[in-house]
């Protein structure tokens, strides 16, 4: 959040967001930040007003300038502003702490497990793809994503290769789809 708000913890922020409307930036309609604002309003009875920007950088600058009280922002884009004291990082929405900012707690650690939200990338193929081809593609993808230079780049982007395949990947995707689907249906959220 913007340091001028005085929020030092997620609990401070959420208490204020339940008492009054707070403007909250994201990288645009349909973005992970937009979804998180709606998750917060549905699950935690907050009164966040979504203010969409055209990408993460303008959303970060809206927090820096005080145009909005806070935002759900991609870690790599906002971290320089946090380190410069222009933004206060209250929490990360992921299940685990960010490697880029390990001092920042997760929303679950702050007492808001229902507000965990992650982006999950899955490579898919048509259902009738032959199993030998699936095995070949799976091995090639794993080999590429576990190369040290790729791992370093993923780390820079605050992303983690989990290596989930088959039923495990499908179960994770279904869980996220169910979680996010409930929020989208409850709020009528739309993508531009």
Protein backbone atom coordinates (compact mmCIF):
# COMPACT_ATOMS: atom_id res chain seq x y z
CA UNK A 1 0.00 0.00 0.00
CA UNK A 2 0.88 3.67 -0.14
CA UNK A 3 2.89 4.58 3.00
CA UNK A 4 0.63 7.59 3.58
CA UNK A 5 -2.23 5.26 4.47
CA UNK A 6 -0.45 4.18 7.65
CA UNK A 7 -1.19 0.50 7.03
CA UNK A 8 1.62 -1.67 8.39
CA UNK A 9 -0.06 -5.08 8.22
CA UNK A 10 -2.71 -6.87 6.18
CA UNK A 11 -4.87 -6.91 9.31
CA UNK A 12 -4.72 -3.07 9.49
CA UNK A 13 -5.57 -2.84 5.83
CA UNK A 14 -8.45 -5.31 5.96
CA UNK A 15 -9.95 -3.65 9.03
CA UNK A 16 -10.00 -0.32 7.20
CA UNK A 17 -11.35 -1.98 4.03
CA UNK A 18 -14.28 -3.36 6.02
CA UNK A 19 -15.04 0.07 7.49
CA UNK A 20 -14.76 2.19 4.34
CA UNK A 21 -14.17 1.93 0.61
CA UNK A 22 -10.52 1.83 -0.45
CA UNK A 23 -9.34 2.27 -4.04
CA UNK A 24 -7.21 -0.66 -5.15
CA UNK A 25 -5.24 -0.86 -8.40
CA UNK A 26 -4.58 -3.83 -10.65
CA UNK A 27 -3.05 -4.44 -14.06
CA UNK A 28 -6.50 -4.37 -15.66
CA UNK A 29 -9.94 -5.92 -15.80
CA UNK A 30 -9.69 -9.69 -15.69
CA UNK A 31 -6.16 -9.60 -14.26
CA UNK A 32 -5.09 -11.59 -11.18
CA UNK A 33 -5.25 -8.35 -9.18
CA UNK A 34 -8.84 -7.74 -10.27
CA UNK A 35 -9.73 -11.29 -9.23
CA UNK A 36 -8.07 -10.75 -5.85
CA UNK A 37 -10.05 -7.54 -5.19
CA UNK A 38 -13.25 -9.47 -5.83
CA UNK A 39 -12.05 -12.40 -3.71
CA UNK A 40 -11.45 -9.99 -0.85
CA UNK A 41 -14.86 -8.36 -1.22
CA UNK A 42 -16.63 -11.75 -1.34
CA UNK A 43 -14.57 -13.72 1.22
CA UNK A 44 -13.50 -11.04 3.68
CA UNK A 45 -16.39 -8.56 3.38
CA UNK A 46 -14.02 -5.79 2.35
CA UNK A 47 -15.13 -2.72 0.41
CA UNK A 48 -12.31 -2.48 -2.11
CA UNK A 49 -13.02 -0.48 -5.24
CA UNK A 50 -11.22 -1.96 -8.23
CA UNK A 51 -9.30 0.62 -10.26
CA UNK A 52 -7.98 -1.07 -13.42
CA UNK A 53 -4.86 0.18 -15.19
CA UNK A 54 -3.33 -0.89 -18.49
CA UNK A 55 -0.67 -3.13 -17.04
CA UNK A 56 1.29 -3.65 -13.84
CA UNK A 57 3.61 -0.62 -14.20
CA UNK A 58 0.82 2.00 -14.26
CA UNK A 59 -0.91 0.16 -11.39
CA UNK A 60 2.31 0.35 -9.34
CA UNK A 61 2.71 4.05 -10.11
CA UNK A 62 -0.88 4.68 -8.97
CA UNK A 63 0.06 3.32 -5.54
CA UNK A 64 3.35 5.25 -5.47
CA UNK A 65 1.58 8.53 -6.29
CA UNK A 66 -1.21 7.95 -3.76
CA UNK A 67 -3.84 7.89 -6.49
CA UNK A 68 -5.05 4.63 -4.87
CA UNK A 69 -4.54 3.27 -1.35
CA UNK A 70 -3.17 -0.08 -2.47
CA UNK A 71 -2.90 -2.67 -5.19
CA UNK A 72 -2.39 -6.32 -5.99
CA UNK A 73 0.77 -6.10 -8.04
CA UNK A 74 3.33 -8.43 -9.60
CA UNK A 75 6.30 -8.71 -7.25
CA UNK A 76 9.10 -7.93 -9.75
CA UNK A 77 7.40 -4.71 -10.85
CA UNK A 78 6.75 -3.31 -7.40
CA UNK A 79 9.80 -4.53 -5.50
CA UNK A 80 12.05 -1.57 -6.46
CA UNK A 81 9.36 0.77 -5.07
CA UNK A 82 9.17 -1.25 -1.85
CA UNK A 83 12.94 -1.18 -1.42
CA UNK A 84 12.87 2.58 -2.09
CA UNK A 85 10.25 3.10 0.64
CA UNK A 86 7.60 4.32 -1.79
CA UNK A 87 5.28 1.33 -1.28
CA UNK A 88 4.69 -0.81 1.80
CA UNK A 89 4.43 -4.52 0.99
CA UNK A 90 1.80 -5.95 3.33
CA UNK A 91 1.62 -9.55 2.08
CA UNK A 92 1.97 -11.86 -0.88
CA UNK A 93 -1.09 -13.77 -2.09
CA UNK A 94 0.80 -16.98 -2.86
CA UNK A 95 0.90 -20.10 -0.68
CA UNK A 96 4.60 -19.55 0.01
CA UNK A 97 6.63 -16.44 0.68
CA UNK A 98 8.27 -14.84 -2.33
CA UNK A 99 11.94 -15.64 -2.88
CA UNK A 100 12.32 -12.01 -3.98
CA UNK A 101 10.89 -10.64 -0.72
CA UNK A 102 11.09 -13.38 1.93
CA UNK A 103 10.46 -10.87 4.72
CA UNK A 104 6.91 -10.25 3.46
CA UNK A 105 4.34 -12.65 4.99
CA UNK A 106 1.74 -14.57 3.01
CA UNK A 107 -1.93 -13.62 3.34
CA UNK A 108 -2.45 -16.97 5.13
CA UNK A 109 0.25 -16.13 7.67
CA UNK A 110 -1.54 -12.82 8.22
CA UNK A 111 -4.77 -14.67 9.01
CA UNK A 112 -6.49 -14.51 5.61
CA UNK A 113 -6.07 -17.97 4.07
CA UNK A 114 -9.22 -17.49 1.97
CA UNK A 115 -7.39 -14.73 0.10
CA UNK A 116 -4.63 -16.95 -1.28
CA UNK A 117 -4.46 -16.49 -5.02
CA UNK A 118 -1.91 -17.68 -7.54
CA UNK A 119 -1.38 -17.74 -11.25
CA UNK A 120 -1.00 -21.34 -12.42
CA UNK A 121 0.34 -22.07 -15.90
CA UNK A 122 -0.45 -25.44 -17.48
CA UNK A 123 0.63 -26.81 -20.86
CA UNK A 124 -2.23 -28.82 -22.37
CA UNK A 125 -2.80 -31.00 -25.40
CA UNK A 126 -5.98 -32.38 -27.00
CA UNK A 127 -7.47 -35.36 -25.16
CA UNK A 128 -6.78 -37.72 -28.06
CA UNK A 129 -3.02 -37.02 -28.14
CA UNK A 130 -1.16 -40.36 -28.16
CA UNK A 131 0.50 -41.22 -24.86
CA UNK A 132 4.02 -41.62 -26.37
CA UNK A 133 3.76 -38.06 -27.75
CA UNK A 134 2.53 -36.81 -24.36
CA UNK A 135 5.55 -38.45 -22.70
CA UNK A 136 7.96 -36.90 -25.24
CA UNK A 137 6.43 -33.43 -24.86
CA UNK A 138 6.37 -33.75 -21.07
CA UNK A 139 10.03 -34.68 -20.93
CA UNK A 140 11.01 -31.85 -23.31
CA UNK A 141 9.07 -29.30 -21.25
CA UNK A 142 10.58 -30.55 -17.98
CA UNK A 143 14.08 -30.55 -19.48
CA UNK A 144 13.62 -26.97 -20.73
CA UNK A 145 12.09 -25.60 -17.53
CA UNK A 146 14.66 -27.18 -15.23
CA UNK A 147 17.68 -25.76 -17.08
CA UNK A 148 19.64 -23.45 -14.73
CA UNK A 149 19.27 -20.38 -16.96
CA UNK A 150 15.50 -20.91 -17.21
CA UNK A 151 15.24 -21.48 -13.45
CA UNK A 152 17.15 -18.23 -12.88
CA UNK A 153 14.76 -16.35 -15.17
CA UNK A 154 11.71 -17.88 -13.48
CA UNK A 155 13.16 -16.84 -10.11
CA UNK A 156 13.60 -13.27 -11.40
CA UNK A 157 9.91 -13.29 -12.35
CA UNK A 158 8.93 -14.73 -8.93
CA UNK A 159 7.68 -17.90 -10.61
CA UNK A 160 8.22 -21.52 -9.61
CA UNK A 161 8.22 -24.59 -11.82
CA UNK A 162 6.26 -27.18 -9.85
CA UNK A 163 6.46 -30.05 -12.31
CA UNK A 164 2.87 -31.17 -11.81
CA UNK A 165 1.59 -33.53 -14.50
CA UNK A 166 -1.47 -35.62 -15.20
CA UNK A 167 -3.98 -35.99 -12.38
CA UNK A 168 -2.02 -33.76 -9.98
CA UNK A 169 -2.04 -30.85 -12.46
CA UNK A 170 -5.70 -31.45 -13.30
CA UNK A 171 -6.68 -31.50 -9.60
CA UNK A 172 -4.83 -28.24 -8.93
CA UNK A 173 -6.41 -26.63 -11.99
CA UNK A 174 -9.89 -27.81 -10.95
CA UNK A 175 -9.43 -26.47 -7.40
CA UNK A 176 -8.37 -23.05 -8.71
CA UNK A 177 -11.14 -23.05 -11.30
CA UNK A 178 -13.73 -23.79 -8.61
CA UNK A 179 -12.30 -21.13 -6.26
CA UNK A 180 -12.07 -18.42 -8.91
CA UNK A 181 -15.33 -19.45 -10.60
CA UNK A 182 -17.28 -18.85 -7.37
CA UNK A 183 -15.86 -15.31 -7.15
CA UNK A 184 -16.48 -14.55 -10.83
CA UNK A 185 -20.10 -15.76 -10.64
CA UNK A 186 -20.73 -13.89 -7.37
CA UNK A 187 -19.40 -10.59 -8.70
CA UNK A 188 -20.18 -10.74 -12.41
CA UNK A 189 -16.52 -9.98 -13.09
CA UNK A 190 -15.72 -9.34 -16.78
CA UNK A 191 -12.57 -9.17 -18.87
CA UNK A 192 -12.02 -6.21 -21.20
